[in-house]
mmCIF file of all heavy atoms, coordinates in Angstrom:
data_MODEL
# 
_entry.id   MODEL 
# 
loop_
_atom_site.group_PDB 
_atom_site.id 
_atom_site.type_symbol 
_atom_site.label_atom_id 
_atom_site.label_alt_id 
_atom_site.label_comp_id 
_atom_site.label_asym_id 
_atom_site.label_entity_id 
_atom_site.label_seq_id 
_atom_site.pdbx_PDB_ins_code 
_atom_site.Cartn_x 
_atom_site.Cartn_y 
_atom_site.Cartn_z 
_atom_site.occupancy 
_atom_site.B_iso_or_equiv 
_atom_site.pdbx_formal_charge 
_atom_site.auth_seq_id 
_atom_site.auth_comp_id 
_atom_site.auth_asym_id 
_atom_site.auth_atom_id 
_atom_site.pdbx_PDB_model_num 
ATOM 1   N N   . HIS A 1 1  ? -28.323 19.038 23.649 1.00 0.00 ? 1  HIS A N   1 
ATOM 2   C CA  . HIS A 1 1  ? -27.065 18.522 23.274 1.00 0.00 ? 1  HIS A CA  1 
ATOM 3   C C   . HIS A 1 1  ? -27.016 16.995 23.379 1.00 0.00 ? 1  HIS A C   1 
ATOM 4   O O   . HIS A 1 1  ? -27.618 16.394 24.247 1.00 0.00 ? 1  HIS A O   1 
ATOM 5   C CB  . HIS A 1 1  ? -25.967 19.188 24.164 1.00 0.00 ? 1  HIS A CB  1 
ATOM 6   C CG  . HIS A 1 1  ? -25.776 20.646 23.934 1.00 0.00 ? 1  HIS A CG  1 
ATOM 7   N ND1 . HIS A 1 1  ? -25.322 21.192 22.777 1.00 0.00 ? 1  HIS A ND1 1 
ATOM 8   C CD2 . HIS A 1 1  ? -26.202 21.709 24.720 1.00 0.00 ? 1  HIS A CD2 1 
ATOM 9   C CE1 . HIS A 1 1  ? -25.274 22.512 22.879 1.00 0.00 ? 1  HIS A CE1 1 
ATOM 10  N NE2 . HIS A 1 1  ? -25.834 22.836 24.097 1.00 0.00 ? 1  HIS A NE2 1 
ATOM 11  N N   . ASN A 1 2  ? -26.230 16.422 22.491 1.00 0.00 ? 2  ASN A N   1 
ATOM 12  C CA  . ASN A 1 2  ? -26.011 14.969 22.554 1.00 0.00 ? 2  ASN A CA  1 
ATOM 13  C C   . ASN A 1 2  ? -25.119 14.660 23.734 1.00 0.00 ? 2  ASN A C   1 
ATOM 14  O O   . ASN A 1 2  ? -24.418 15.530 24.275 1.00 0.00 ? 2  ASN A O   1 
ATOM 15  C CB  . ASN A 1 2  ? -25.307 14.469 21.305 1.00 0.00 ? 2  ASN A CB  1 
ATOM 16  C CG  . ASN A 1 2  ? -26.128 14.364 20.143 1.00 0.00 ? 2  ASN A CG  1 
ATOM 17  O OD1 . ASN A 1 2  ? -27.298 14.774 20.113 1.00 0.00 ? 2  ASN A OD1 1 
ATOM 18  N ND2 . ASN A 1 2  ? -25.664 13.866 19.001 1.00 0.00 ? 2  ASN A ND2 1 
ATOM 19  N N   . ALA A 1 3  ? -25.223 13.438 24.211 1.00 0.00 ? 3  ALA A N   1 
ATOM 20  C CA  . ALA A 1 3  ? -24.166 12.895 25.038 1.00 0.00 ? 3  ALA A CA  1 
ATOM 21  C C   . ALA A 1 3  ? -22.831 12.973 24.279 1.00 0.00 ? 3  ALA A C   1 
ATOM 22  O O   . ALA A 1 3  ? -22.818 12.684 23.034 1.00 0.00 ? 3  ALA A O   1 
ATOM 23  C CB  . ALA A 1 3  ? -24.388 11.499 25.468 1.00 0.00 ? 3  ALA A CB  1 
ATOM 24  N N   . PRO A 1 4  ? -21.745 13.468 24.882 1.00 0.00 ? 4  PRO A N   1 
ATOM 25  C CA  . PRO A 1 4  ? -20.451 13.519 24.141 1.00 0.00 ? 4  PRO A CA  1 
ATOM 26  C C   . PRO A 1 4  ? -20.080 12.220 23.510 1.00 0.00 ? 4  PRO A C   1 
ATOM 27  O O   . PRO A 1 4  ? -20.064 11.194 24.167 1.00 0.00 ? 4  PRO A O   1 
ATOM 28  C CB  . PRO A 1 4  ? -19.506 13.893 25.270 1.00 0.00 ? 4  PRO A CB  1 
ATOM 29  C CG  . PRO A 1 4  ? -20.312 14.656 26.232 1.00 0.00 ? 4  PRO A CG  1 
ATOM 30  C CD  . PRO A 1 4  ? -21.643 13.977 26.302 1.00 0.00 ? 4  PRO A CD  1 
ATOM 31  N N   . THR A 1 5  ? -19.980 12.257 22.166 1.00 0.00 ? 5  THR A N   1 
ATOM 32  C CA  . THR A 1 5  ? -19.937 10.999 21.377 1.00 0.00 ? 5  THR A CA  1 
ATOM 33  C C   . THR A 1 5  ? -18.711 11.024 20.475 1.00 0.00 ? 5  THR A C   1 
ATOM 34  O O   . THR A 1 5  ? -18.319 12.113 19.925 1.00 0.00 ? 5  THR A O   1 
ATOM 35  C CB  . THR A 1 5  ? -21.158 10.816 20.495 1.00 0.00 ? 5  THR A CB  1 
ATOM 36  O OG1 . THR A 1 5  ? -22.335 10.789 21.342 1.00 0.00 ? 5  THR A OG1 1 
ATOM 37  C CG2 . THR A 1 5  ? -21.122 9.518  19.731 1.00 0.00 ? 5  THR A CG2 1 
ATOM 38  N N   . TYR A 1 6  ? -18.021 9.893  20.329 1.00 0.00 ? 6  TYR A N   1 
ATOM 39  C CA  . TYR A 1 6  ? -16.826 9.777  19.549 1.00 0.00 ? 6  TYR A CA  1 
ATOM 40  C C   . TYR A 1 6  ? -16.913 8.658  18.588 1.00 0.00 ? 6  TYR A C   1 
ATOM 41  O O   . TYR A 1 6  ? -17.473 7.579  18.907 1.00 0.00 ? 6  TYR A O   1 
ATOM 42  C CB  . TYR A 1 6  ? -15.598 9.529  20.446 1.00 0.00 ? 6  TYR A CB  1 
ATOM 43  C CG  . TYR A 1 6  ? -15.554 10.582 21.586 1.00 0.00 ? 6  TYR A CG  1 
ATOM 44  C CD1 . TYR A 1 6  ? -16.097 10.194 22.843 1.00 0.00 ? 6  TYR A CD1 1 
ATOM 45  C CD2 . TYR A 1 6  ? -15.027 11.796 21.449 1.00 0.00 ? 6  TYR A CD2 1 
ATOM 46  C CE1 . TYR A 1 6  ? -16.051 11.142 23.878 1.00 0.00 ? 6  TYR A CE1 1 
ATOM 47  C CE2 . TYR A 1 6  ? -15.006 12.763 22.417 1.00 0.00 ? 6  TYR A CE2 1 
ATOM 48  C CZ  . TYR A 1 6  ? -15.469 12.396 23.675 1.00 0.00 ? 6  TYR A CZ  1 
ATOM 49  O OH  . TYR A 1 6  ? -15.586 13.263 24.737 1.00 0.00 ? 6  TYR A OH  1 
ATOM 50  N N   . LEU A 1 7  ? -16.446 8.904  17.341 1.00 0.00 ? 7  LEU A N   1 
ATOM 51  C CA  . LEU A 1 7  ? -16.515 7.835  16.246 1.00 0.00 ? 7  LEU A CA  1 
ATOM 52  C C   . LEU A 1 7  ? -15.109 7.469  15.943 1.00 0.00 ? 7  LEU A C   1 
ATOM 53  O O   . LEU A 1 7  ? -14.379 8.182  15.276 1.00 0.00 ? 7  LEU A O   1 
ATOM 54  C CB  . LEU A 1 7  ? -17.213 8.486  14.995 1.00 0.00 ? 7  LEU A CB  1 
ATOM 55  C CG  . LEU A 1 7  ? -17.664 7.479  13.980 1.00 0.00 ? 7  LEU A CG  1 
ATOM 56  C CD1 . LEU A 1 7  ? -18.728 6.589  14.524 1.00 0.00 ? 7  LEU A CD1 1 
ATOM 57  C CD2 . LEU A 1 7  ? -18.303 8.253  12.752 1.00 0.00 ? 7  LEU A CD2 1 
ATOM 58  N N   . PRO A 1 8  ? -14.669 6.310  16.443 1.00 0.00 ? 8  PRO A N   1 
ATOM 59  C CA  . PRO A 1 8  ? -13.271 5.893  16.246 1.00 0.00 ? 8  PRO A CA  1 
ATOM 60  C C   . PRO A 1 8  ? -12.844 5.658  14.822 1.00 0.00 ? 8  PRO A C   1 
ATOM 61  O O   . PRO A 1 8  ? -11.650 5.543  14.503 1.00 0.00 ? 8  PRO A O   1 
ATOM 62  C CB  . PRO A 1 8  ? -13.240 4.462  16.946 1.00 0.00 ? 8  PRO A CB  1 
ATOM 63  C CG  . PRO A 1 8  ? -14.383 4.493  17.909 1.00 0.00 ? 8  PRO A CG  1 
ATOM 64  C CD  . PRO A 1 8  ? -15.466 5.342  17.188 1.00 0.00 ? 8  PRO A CD  1 
ATOM 65  N N   . PHE A 1 9  ? -13.838 5.736  13.893 1.00 0.00 ? 9  PHE A N   1 
ATOM 66  C CA  . PHE A 1 9  ? -13.447 5.811  12.451 1.00 0.00 ? 9  PHE A CA  1 
ATOM 67  C C   . PHE A 1 9  ? -12.472 6.967  12.139 1.00 0.00 ? 9  PHE A C   1 
ATOM 68  O O   . PHE A 1 9  ? -11.694 6.839  11.214 1.00 0.00 ? 9  PHE A O   1 
ATOM 69  C CB  . PHE A 1 9  ? -14.743 5.914  11.670 1.00 0.00 ? 9  PHE A CB  1 
ATOM 70  C CG  . PHE A 1 9  ? -14.558 5.936  10.141 1.00 0.00 ? 9  PHE A CG  1 
ATOM 71  C CD1 . PHE A 1 9  ? -14.313 4.812  9.457  1.00 0.00 ? 9  PHE A CD1 1 
ATOM 72  C CD2 . PHE A 1 9  ? -14.601 7.196  9.547  1.00 0.00 ? 9  PHE A CD2 1 
ATOM 73  C CE1 . PHE A 1 9  ? -14.117 4.864  8.010  1.00 0.00 ? 9  PHE A CE1 1 
ATOM 74  C CE2 . PHE A 1 9  ? -14.416 7.287  8.080  1.00 0.00 ? 9  PHE A CE2 1 
ATOM 75  C CZ  . PHE A 1 9  ? -14.229 6.104  7.389  1.00 0.00 ? 9  PHE A CZ  1 
ATOM 76  N N   . TYR A 1 10 ? -12.653 8.023  12.910 1.00 0.00 ? 10 TYR A N   1 
ATOM 77  C CA  . TYR A 1 10 ? -11.805 9.190  12.699 1.00 0.00 ? 10 TYR A CA  1 
ATOM 78  C C   . TYR A 1 10 ? -10.559 9.108  13.563 1.00 0.00 ? 10 TYR A C   1 
ATOM 79  O O   . TYR A 1 10 ? -10.722 8.784  14.822 1.00 0.00 ? 10 TYR A O   1 
ATOM 80  C CB  . TYR A 1 10 ? -12.555 10.476 12.915 1.00 0.00 ? 10 TYR A CB  1 
ATOM 81  C CG  . TYR A 1 10 ? -13.706 10.718 11.998 1.00 0.00 ? 10 TYR A CG  1 
ATOM 82  C CD1 . TYR A 1 10 ? -15.007 10.643 12.333 1.00 0.00 ? 10 TYR A CD1 1 
ATOM 83  C CD2 . TYR A 1 10 ? -13.421 11.016 10.633 1.00 0.00 ? 10 TYR A CD2 1 
ATOM 84  C CE1 . TYR A 1 10 ? -16.093 10.830 11.417 1.00 0.00 ? 10 TYR A CE1 1 
ATOM 85  C CE2 . TYR A 1 10 ? -14.451 11.130 9.687  1.00 0.00 ? 10 TYR A CE2 1 
ATOM 86  C CZ  . TYR A 1 10 ? -15.711 11.065 10.130 1.00 0.00 ? 10 TYR A CZ  1 
ATOM 87  O OH  . TYR A 1 10 ? -16.777 11.231 9.235  1.00 0.00 ? 10 TYR A OH  1 
ATOM 88  N N   . GLU A 1 11 ? -9.442  9.329  13.085 1.00 0.00 ? 11 GLU A N   1 
ATOM 89  C CA  . GLU A 1 11 ? -8.179  9.146  13.794 1.00 0.00 ? 11 GLU A CA  1 
ATOM 90  C C   . GLU A 1 11 ? -8.140  9.977  15.142 1.00 0.00 ? 11 GLU A C   1 
ATOM 91  O O   . GLU A 1 11 ? -7.723  9.423  16.204 1.00 0.00 ? 11 GLU A O   1 
ATOM 92  C CB  . GLU A 1 11 ? -7.007  9.557  12.917 1.00 0.00 ? 11 GLU A CB  1 
ATOM 93  C CG  . GLU A 1 11 ? -5.615  9.328  13.592 1.00 0.00 ? 11 GLU A CG  1 
ATOM 94  C CD  . GLU A 1 11 ? -4.541  9.635  12.644 1.00 0.00 ? 11 GLU A CD  1 
ATOM 95  O OE1 . GLU A 1 11 ? -4.770  9.876  11.464 1.00 0.00 ? 11 GLU A OE1 1 
ATOM 96  O OE2 . GLU A 1 11 ? -3.326  9.703  13.194 1.00 0.00 ? 11 GLU A OE2 1 
ATOM 97  N N   . GLU A 1 12 ? -8.706  11.153 15.107 1.00 0.00 ? 12 GLU A N   1 
ATOM 98  C CA  . GLU A 1 12 ? -8.621  12.015 16.373 1.00 0.00 ? 12 GLU A CA  1 
ATOM 99  C C   . GLU A 1 12 ? -9.546  11.376 17.385 1.00 0.00 ? 12 GLU A C   1 
ATOM 100 O O   . GLU A 1 12 ? -9.104  11.342 18.577 1.00 0.00 ? 12 GLU A O   1 
ATOM 101 C CB  . GLU A 1 12 ? -9.169  13.406 15.910 1.00 0.00 ? 12 GLU A CB  1 
ATOM 102 C CG  . GLU A 1 12 ? -9.154  14.390 17.172 1.00 0.00 ? 12 GLU A CG  1 
ATOM 103 C CD  . GLU A 1 12 ? -9.627  15.728 16.813 1.00 0.00 ? 12 GLU A CD  1 
ATOM 104 O OE1 . GLU A 1 12 ? -9.874  15.984 15.565 1.00 0.00 ? 12 GLU A OE1 1 
ATOM 105 O OE2 . GLU A 1 12 ? -9.690  16.627 17.754 1.00 0.00 ? 12 GLU A OE2 1 
ATOM 106 N N   . ASP A 1 13 ? -10.715 10.912 16.968 1.00 0.00 ? 13 ASP A N   1 
ATOM 107 C CA  . ASP A 1 13 ? -11.627 10.287 17.970 1.00 0.00 ? 13 ASP A CA  1 
ATOM 108 C C   . ASP A 1 13 ? -11.001 8.959  18.410 1.00 0.00 ? 13 ASP A C   1 
ATOM 109 O O   . ASP A 1 13 ? -11.148 8.640  19.646 1.00 0.00 ? 13 ASP A O   1 
ATOM 110 C CB  . ASP A 1 13 ? -12.970 10.071 17.387 1.00 0.00 ? 13 ASP A CB  1 
ATOM 111 C CG  . ASP A 1 13 ? -13.680 11.351 17.220 1.00 0.00 ? 13 ASP A CG  1 
ATOM 112 O OD1 . ASP A 1 13 ? -13.176 12.490 17.348 1.00 0.00 ? 13 ASP A OD1 1 
ATOM 113 O OD2 . ASP A 1 13 ? -15.009 11.290 16.994 1.00 0.00 ? 13 ASP A OD2 1 
ATOM 114 N N   . MET A 1 14 ? -10.426 8.258  17.564 1.00 0.00 ? 14 MET A N   1 
ATOM 115 C CA  . MET A 1 14 ? -9.804  6.941  18.038 1.00 0.00 ? 14 MET A CA  1 
ATOM 116 C C   . MET A 1 14 ? -8.748  7.165  19.106 1.00 0.00 ? 14 MET A C   1 
ATOM 117 O O   . MET A 1 14 ? -8.657  6.508  20.074 1.00 0.00 ? 14 MET A O   1 
ATOM 118 C CB  . MET A 1 14 ? -9.134  6.230  16.720 1.00 0.00 ? 14 MET A CB  1 
ATOM 119 C CG  . MET A 1 14 ? -8.323  4.987  17.232 1.00 0.00 ? 14 MET A CG  1 
ATOM 120 S SD  . MET A 1 14 ? -9.372  3.640  17.787 1.00 0.00 ? 14 MET A SD  1 
ATOM 121 C CE  . MET A 1 14 ? -9.901  2.881  16.214 1.00 0.00 ? 14 MET A CE  1 
ATOM 122 N N   . GLN A 1 15 ? -7.910  8.243  18.844 1.00 0.00 ? 15 GLN A N   1 
ATOM 123 C CA  . GLN A 1 15 ? -6.894  8.509  19.834 1.00 0.00 ? 15 GLN A CA  1 
ATOM 124 C C   . GLN A 1 15 ? -7.501  8.878  21.188 1.00 0.00 ? 15 GLN A C   1 
ATOM 125 O O   . GLN A 1 15 ? -7.018  8.494  22.267 1.00 0.00 ? 15 GLN A O   1 
ATOM 126 C CB  . GLN A 1 15 ? -6.043  9.750  19.389 1.00 0.00 ? 15 GLN A CB  1 
ATOM 127 C CG  . GLN A 1 15 ? -4.806  9.984  20.206 1.00 0.00 ? 15 GLN A CG  1 
ATOM 128 C CD  . GLN A 1 15 ? -3.868  8.847  20.301 1.00 0.00 ? 15 GLN A CD  1 
ATOM 129 O OE1 . GLN A 1 15 ? -3.671  8.106  19.295 1.00 0.00 ? 15 GLN A OE1 1 
ATOM 130 N NE2 . GLN A 1 15 ? -3.170  8.669  21.366 1.00 0.00 ? 15 GLN A NE2 1 
ATOM 131 N N   . TYR A 1 16 ? -8.634  9.659  21.167 1.00 0.00 ? 16 TYR A N   1 
ATOM 132 C CA  . TYR A 1 16 ? -9.276  10.061 22.445 1.00 0.00 ? 16 TYR A CA  1 
ATOM 133 C C   . TYR A 1 16 ? -9.820  8.830  23.204 1.00 0.00 ? 16 TYR A C   1 
ATOM 134 O O   . TYR A 1 16 ? -9.683  8.665  24.327 1.00 0.00 ? 16 TYR A O   1 
ATOM 135 C CB  . TYR A 1 16 ? -10.387 11.037 22.135 1.00 0.00 ? 16 TYR A CB  1 
ATOM 136 C CG  . TYR A 1 16 ? -11.132 11.479 23.448 1.00 0.00 ? 16 TYR A CG  1 
ATOM 137 C CD1 . TYR A 1 16 ? -10.647 12.654 24.108 1.00 0.00 ? 16 TYR A CD1 1 
ATOM 138 C CD2 . TYR A 1 16 ? -12.130 10.757 23.974 1.00 0.00 ? 16 TYR A CD2 1 
ATOM 139 C CE1 . TYR A 1 16 ? -11.248 13.101 25.245 1.00 0.00 ? 16 TYR A CE1 1 
ATOM 140 C CE2 . TYR A 1 16 ? -12.831 11.246 25.141 1.00 0.00 ? 16 TYR A CE2 1 
ATOM 141 C CZ  . TYR A 1 16 ? -12.350 12.425 25.787 1.00 0.00 ? 16 TYR A CZ  1 
ATOM 142 O OH  . TYR A 1 16 ? -12.935 12.713 26.893 1.00 0.00 ? 16 TYR A OH  1 
ATOM 143 N N   . VAL A 1 17 ? -10.458 7.952  22.374 1.00 0.00 ? 17 VAL A N   1 
ATOM 144 C CA  . VAL A 1 17 ? -11.086 6.670  22.931 1.00 0.00 ? 17 VAL A CA  1 
ATOM 145 C C   . VAL A 1 17 ? -9.973  5.827  23.584 1.00 0.00 ? 17 VAL A C   1 
ATOM 146 O O   . VAL A 1 17 ? -10.234 5.247  24.741 1.00 0.00 ? 17 VAL A O   1 
ATOM 147 C CB  . VAL A 1 17 ? -11.787 5.902  21.841 1.00 0.00 ? 17 VAL A CB  1 
ATOM 148 C CG1 . VAL A 1 17 ? -12.259 4.541  22.463 1.00 0.00 ? 17 VAL A CG1 1 
ATOM 149 C CG2 . VAL A 1 17 ? -13.056 6.738  21.396 1.00 0.00 ? 17 VAL A CG2 1 
ATOM 150 N N   . LEU A 1 18 ? -8.874  5.670  22.920 1.00 0.00 ? 18 LEU A N   1 
ATOM 151 C CA  . LEU A 1 18 ? -7.767  4.891  23.505 1.00 0.00 ? 18 LEU A CA  1 
ATOM 152 C C   . LEU A 1 18 ? -7.212  5.515  24.797 1.00 0.00 ? 18 LEU A C   1 
ATOM 153 O O   . LEU A 1 18 ? -6.904  4.822  25.701 1.00 0.00 ? 18 LEU A O   1 
ATOM 154 C CB  . LEU A 1 18 ? -6.659  4.654  22.464 1.00 0.00 ? 18 LEU A CB  1 
ATOM 155 C CG  . LEU A 1 18 ? -7.041  3.907  21.192 1.00 0.00 ? 18 LEU A CG  1 
ATOM 156 C CD1 . LEU A 1 18 ? -5.854  3.768  20.247 1.00 0.00 ? 18 LEU A CD1 1 
ATOM 157 C CD2 . LEU A 1 18 ? -7.540  2.525  21.520 1.00 0.00 ? 18 LEU A CD2 1 
ATOM 158 N N   . GLU A 1 19 ? -7.120  6.797  24.808 1.00 0.00 ? 19 GLU A N   1 
ATOM 159 C CA  . GLU A 1 19 ? -6.559  7.489  25.969 1.00 0.00 ? 19 GLU A CA  1 
ATOM 160 C C   . GLU A 1 19 ? -7.479  7.486  27.200 1.00 0.00 ? 19 GLU A C   1 
ATOM 161 O O   . GLU A 1 19 ? -7.162  7.598  28.298 1.00 0.00 ? 19 GLU A O   1 
ATOM 162 C CB  . GLU A 1 19 ? -6.163  8.901  25.593 1.00 0.00 ? 19 GLU A CB  1 
ATOM 163 C CG  . GLU A 1 19 ? -4.994  8.966  24.648 1.00 0.00 ? 19 GLU A CG  1 
ATOM 164 C CD  . GLU A 1 19 ? -4.663  10.360 24.253 1.00 0.00 ? 19 GLU A CD  1 
ATOM 165 O OE1 . GLU A 1 19 ? -5.391  11.305 24.617 1.00 0.00 ? 19 GLU A OE1 1 
ATOM 166 O OE2 . GLU A 1 19 ? -3.660  10.604 23.515 1.00 0.00 ? 19 GLU A OE2 1 
ATOM 167 N N   . HIS A 1 20 ? -8.854  7.449  26.832 1.00 0.00 ? 20 HIS A N   1 
ATOM 168 C CA  . HIS A 1 20 ? -9.790  7.572  27.984 1.00 0.00 ? 20 HIS A CA  1 
ATOM 169 C C   . HIS A 1 20 ? -10.806 6.321  28.070 1.00 0.00 ? 20 HIS A C   1 
ATOM 170 O O   . HIS A 1 20 ? -11.855 6.360  28.522 1.00 0.00 ? 20 HIS A O   1 
ATOM 171 C CB  . HIS A 1 20 ? -10.725 8.800  27.722 1.00 0.00 ? 20 HIS A CB  1 
ATOM 172 C CG  . HIS A 1 20 ? -9.977  10.112 27.677 1.00 0.00 ? 20 HIS A CG  1 
ATOM 173 N ND1 . HIS A 1 20 ? -9.258  10.505 26.555 1.00 0.00 ? 20 HIS A ND1 1 
ATOM 174 C CD2 . HIS A 1 20 ? -9.725  10.977 28.660 1.00 0.00 ? 20 HIS A CD2 1 
ATOM 175 C CE1 . HIS A 1 20 ? -8.744  11.725 26.815 1.00 0.00 ? 20 HIS A CE1 1 
ATOM 176 N NE2 . HIS A 1 20 ? -8.923  12.002 28.115 1.00 0.00 ? 20 HIS A NE2 1 
ATOM 177 N N   . PHE A 1 21 ? -10.222 5.170  27.567 1.00 0.00 ? 21 PHE A N   1 
ATOM 178 C CA  . PHE A 1 21 ? -10.978 4.024  27.355 1.00 0.00 ? 21 PHE A CA  1 
ATOM 179 C C   . PHE A 1 21 ? -11.692 3.627  28.658 1.00 0.00 ? 21 PHE A C   1 
ATOM 180 O O   . PHE A 1 21 ? -12.939 3.209  28.651 1.00 0.00 ? 21 PHE A O   1 
ATOM 181 C CB  . PHE A 1 21 ? -10.086 2.826  27.004 1.00 0.00 ? 21 PHE A CB  1 
ATOM 182 C CG  . PHE A 1 21 ? -10.873 1.613  26.514 1.00 0.00 ? 21 PHE A CG  1 
ATOM 183 C CD1 . PHE A 1 21 ? -11.304 1.443  25.198 1.00 0.00 ? 21 PHE A CD1 1 
ATOM 184 C CD2 . PHE A 1 21 ? -11.127 0.585  27.443 1.00 0.00 ? 21 PHE A CD2 1 
ATOM 185 C CE1 . PHE A 1 21 ? -11.957 0.284  24.778 1.00 0.00 ? 21 PHE A CE1 1 
ATOM 186 C CE2 . PHE A 1 21 ? -11.842 -0.518 27.015 1.00 0.00 ? 21 PHE A CE2 1 
ATOM 187 C CZ  . PHE A 1 21 ? -12.278 -0.742 25.744 1.00 0.00 ? 21 PHE A CZ  1 
ATOM 188 N N   . ASP A 1 22 ? -11.108 3.677  29.789 1.00 0.00 ? 22 ASP A N   1 
ATOM 189 C CA  . ASP A 1 22 ? -11.704 3.191  31.061 1.00 0.00 ? 22 ASP A CA  1 
ATOM 190 C C   . ASP A 1 22 ? -12.885 4.059  31.566 1.00 0.00 ? 22 ASP A C   1 
ATOM 191 O O   . ASP A 1 22 ? -13.550 3.691  32.504 1.00 0.00 ? 22 ASP A O   1 
ATOM 192 C CB  . ASP A 1 22 ? -10.638 3.150  32.140 1.00 0.00 ? 22 ASP A CB  1 
ATOM 193 C CG  . ASP A 1 22 ? -9.552  2.074  31.895 1.00 0.00 ? 22 ASP A CG  1 
ATOM 194 O OD1 . ASP A 1 22 ? -9.838  1.192  31.115 1.00 0.00 ? 22 ASP A OD1 1 
ATOM 195 O OD2 . ASP A 1 22 ? -8.463  2.154  32.489 1.00 0.00 ? 22 ASP A OD2 1 
ATOM 196 N N   . THR A 1 23 ? -13.006 5.277  30.931 1.00 0.00 ? 23 THR A N   1 
ATOM 197 C CA  . THR A 1 23 ? -14.162 6.196  31.384 1.00 0.00 ? 23 THR A CA  1 
ATOM 198 C C   . THR A 1 23 ? -15.248 6.205  30.406 1.00 0.00 ? 23 THR A C   1 
ATOM 199 O O   . THR A 1 23 ? -16.243 6.916  30.651 1.00 0.00 ? 23 THR A O   1 
ATOM 200 C CB  . THR A 1 23 ? -13.598 7.601  31.637 1.00 0.00 ? 23 THR A CB  1 
ATOM 201 O OG1 . THR A 1 23 ? -13.219 8.101  30.374 1.00 0.00 ? 23 THR A OG1 1 
ATOM 202 C CG2 . THR A 1 23 ? -12.385 7.578  32.593 1.00 0.00 ? 23 THR A CG2 1 
ATOM 203 N N   . LEU A 1 24 ? -15.219 5.396  29.337 1.00 0.00 ? 24 LEU A N   1 
ATOM 204 C CA  . LEU A 1 24 ? -16.257 5.480  28.329 1.00 0.00 ? 24 LEU A CA  1 
ATOM 205 C C   . LEU A 1 24 ? -17.182 4.254  28.248 1.00 0.00 ? 24 LEU A C   1 
ATOM 206 O O   . LEU A 1 24 ? -16.787 3.109  28.751 1.00 0.00 ? 24 LEU A O   1 
ATOM 207 C CB  . LEU A 1 24 ? -15.544 5.669  26.949 1.00 0.00 ? 24 LEU A CB  1 
ATOM 208 C CG  . LEU A 1 24 ? -14.634 6.896  26.790 1.00 0.00 ? 24 LEU A CG  1 
ATOM 209 C CD1 . LEU A 1 24 ? -13.898 6.885  25.435 1.00 0.00 ? 24 LEU A CD1 1 
ATOM 210 C CD2 . LEU A 1 24 ? -15.469 8.163  26.878 1.00 0.00 ? 24 LEU A CD2 1 
ATOM 211 N N   . VAL A 1 25 ? -18.284 4.433  27.624 1.00 0.00 ? 25 VAL A N   1 
ATOM 212 C CA  . VAL A 1 25 ? -19.134 3.276  27.237 1.00 0.00 ? 25 VAL A CA  1 
ATOM 213 C C   . VAL A 1 25 ? -19.075 3.154  25.766 1.00 0.00 ? 25 VAL A C   1 
ATOM 214 O O   . VAL A 1 25 ? -19.142 4.211  24.996 1.00 0.00 ? 25 VAL A O   1 
ATOM 215 C CB  . VAL A 1 25 ? -20.586 3.500  27.744 1.00 0.00 ? 25 VAL A CB  1 
ATOM 216 C CG1 . VAL A 1 25 ? -21.173 4.853  27.251 1.00 0.00 ? 25 VAL A CG1 1 
ATOM 217 C CG2 . VAL A 1 25 ? -21.472 2.317  27.283 1.00 0.00 ? 25 VAL A CG2 1 
ATOM 218 N N   . LEU A 1 26 ? -18.900 1.973  25.270 1.00 0.00 ? 26 LEU A N   1 
ATOM 219 C CA  . LEU A 1 26 ? -18.726 1.711  23.868 1.00 0.00 ? 26 LEU A CA  1 
ATOM 220 C C   . LEU A 1 26 ? -19.930 0.884  23.350 1.00 0.00 ? 26 LEU A C   1 
ATOM 221 O O   . LEU A 1 26 ? -20.396 -0.112 24.033 1.00 0.00 ? 26 LEU A O   1 
ATOM 222 C CB  . LEU A 1 26 ? -17.410 0.944  23.566 1.00 0.00 ? 26 LEU A CB  1 
ATOM 223 C CG  . LEU A 1 26 ? -16.214 1.774  23.981 1.00 0.00 ? 26 LEU A CG  1 
ATOM 224 C CD1 . LEU A 1 26 ? -15.631 1.238  25.287 1.00 0.00 ? 26 LEU A CD1 1 
ATOM 225 C CD2 . LEU A 1 26 ? -15.144 1.857  22.857 1.00 0.00 ? 26 LEU A CD2 1 
ATOM 226 N N   . LYS A 1 27 ? -20.405 1.266  22.169 1.00 0.00 ? 27 LYS A N   1 
ATOM 227 C CA  . LYS A 1 27 ? -21.611 0.642  21.710 1.00 0.00 ? 27 LYS A CA  1 
ATOM 228 C C   . LYS A 1 27 ? -21.460 0.195  20.183 1.00 0.00 ? 27 LYS A C   1 
ATOM 229 O O   . LYS A 1 27 ? -20.892 0.923  19.347 1.00 0.00 ? 27 LYS A O   1 
ATOM 230 C CB  . LYS A 1 27 ? -22.766 1.614  21.694 1.00 0.00 ? 27 LYS A CB  1 
ATOM 231 C CG  . LYS A 1 27 ? -23.100 2.116  23.138 1.00 0.00 ? 27 LYS A CG  1 
ATOM 232 C CD  . LYS A 1 27 ? -24.168 3.175  23.105 1.00 0.00 ? 27 LYS A CD  1 
ATOM 233 C CE  . LYS A 1 27 ? -24.485 3.650  24.528 1.00 0.00 ? 27 LYS A CE  1 
ATOM 234 N NZ  . LYS A 1 27 ? -25.556 4.671  24.597 1.00 0.00 ? 27 LYS A NZ  1 
ATOM 235 N N   . ASP A 1 28 ? -21.897 -0.999 19.903 1.00 0.00 ? 28 ASP A N   1 
ATOM 236 C CA  . ASP A 1 28 ? -21.921 -1.521 18.522 1.00 0.00 ? 28 ASP A CA  1 
ATOM 237 C C   . ASP A 1 28 ? -23.040 -0.821 17.748 1.00 0.00 ? 28 ASP A C   1 
ATOM 238 O O   . ASP A 1 28 ? -24.203 -0.821 18.202 1.00 0.00 ? 28 ASP A O   1 
ATOM 239 C CB  . ASP A 1 28 ? -22.191 -3.038 18.578 1.00 0.00 ? 28 ASP A CB  1 
ATOM 240 C CG  . ASP A 1 28 ? -21.963 -3.665 17.223 1.00 0.00 ? 28 ASP A CG  1 
ATOM 241 O OD1 . ASP A 1 28 ? -22.395 -3.085 16.168 1.00 0.00 ? 28 ASP A OD1 1 
ATOM 242 O OD2 . ASP A 1 28 ? -21.391 -4.702 17.090 1.00 0.00 ? 28 ASP A OD2 1 
ATOM 243 N N   . VAL A 1 29 ? -22.721 -0.151 16.651 1.00 0.00 ? 29 VAL A N   1 
ATOM 244 C CA  . VAL A 1 29 ? -23.636 0.779  15.963 1.00 0.00 ? 29 VAL A CA  1 
ATOM 245 C C   . VAL A 1 29 ? -24.825 -0.089 15.364 1.00 0.00 ? 29 VAL A C   1 
ATOM 246 O O   . VAL A 1 29 ? -25.900 0.530  15.163 1.00 0.00 ? 29 VAL A O   1 
ATOM 247 C CB  . VAL A 1 29 ? -23.004 1.542  14.867 1.00 0.00 ? 29 VAL A CB  1 
ATOM 248 C CG1 . VAL A 1 29 ? -21.948 2.446  15.486 1.00 0.00 ? 29 VAL A CG1 1 
ATOM 249 C CG2 . VAL A 1 29 ? -22.481 0.683  13.758 1.00 0.00 ? 29 VAL A CG2 1 
# 
């Protein structure tokens, strides 16, 4: 399995990222 990954390009993923921002690592593609 992949590390749980979110693509903010999608609205649902963007919402998740904004709500859990402090617990995530963000990477420039």
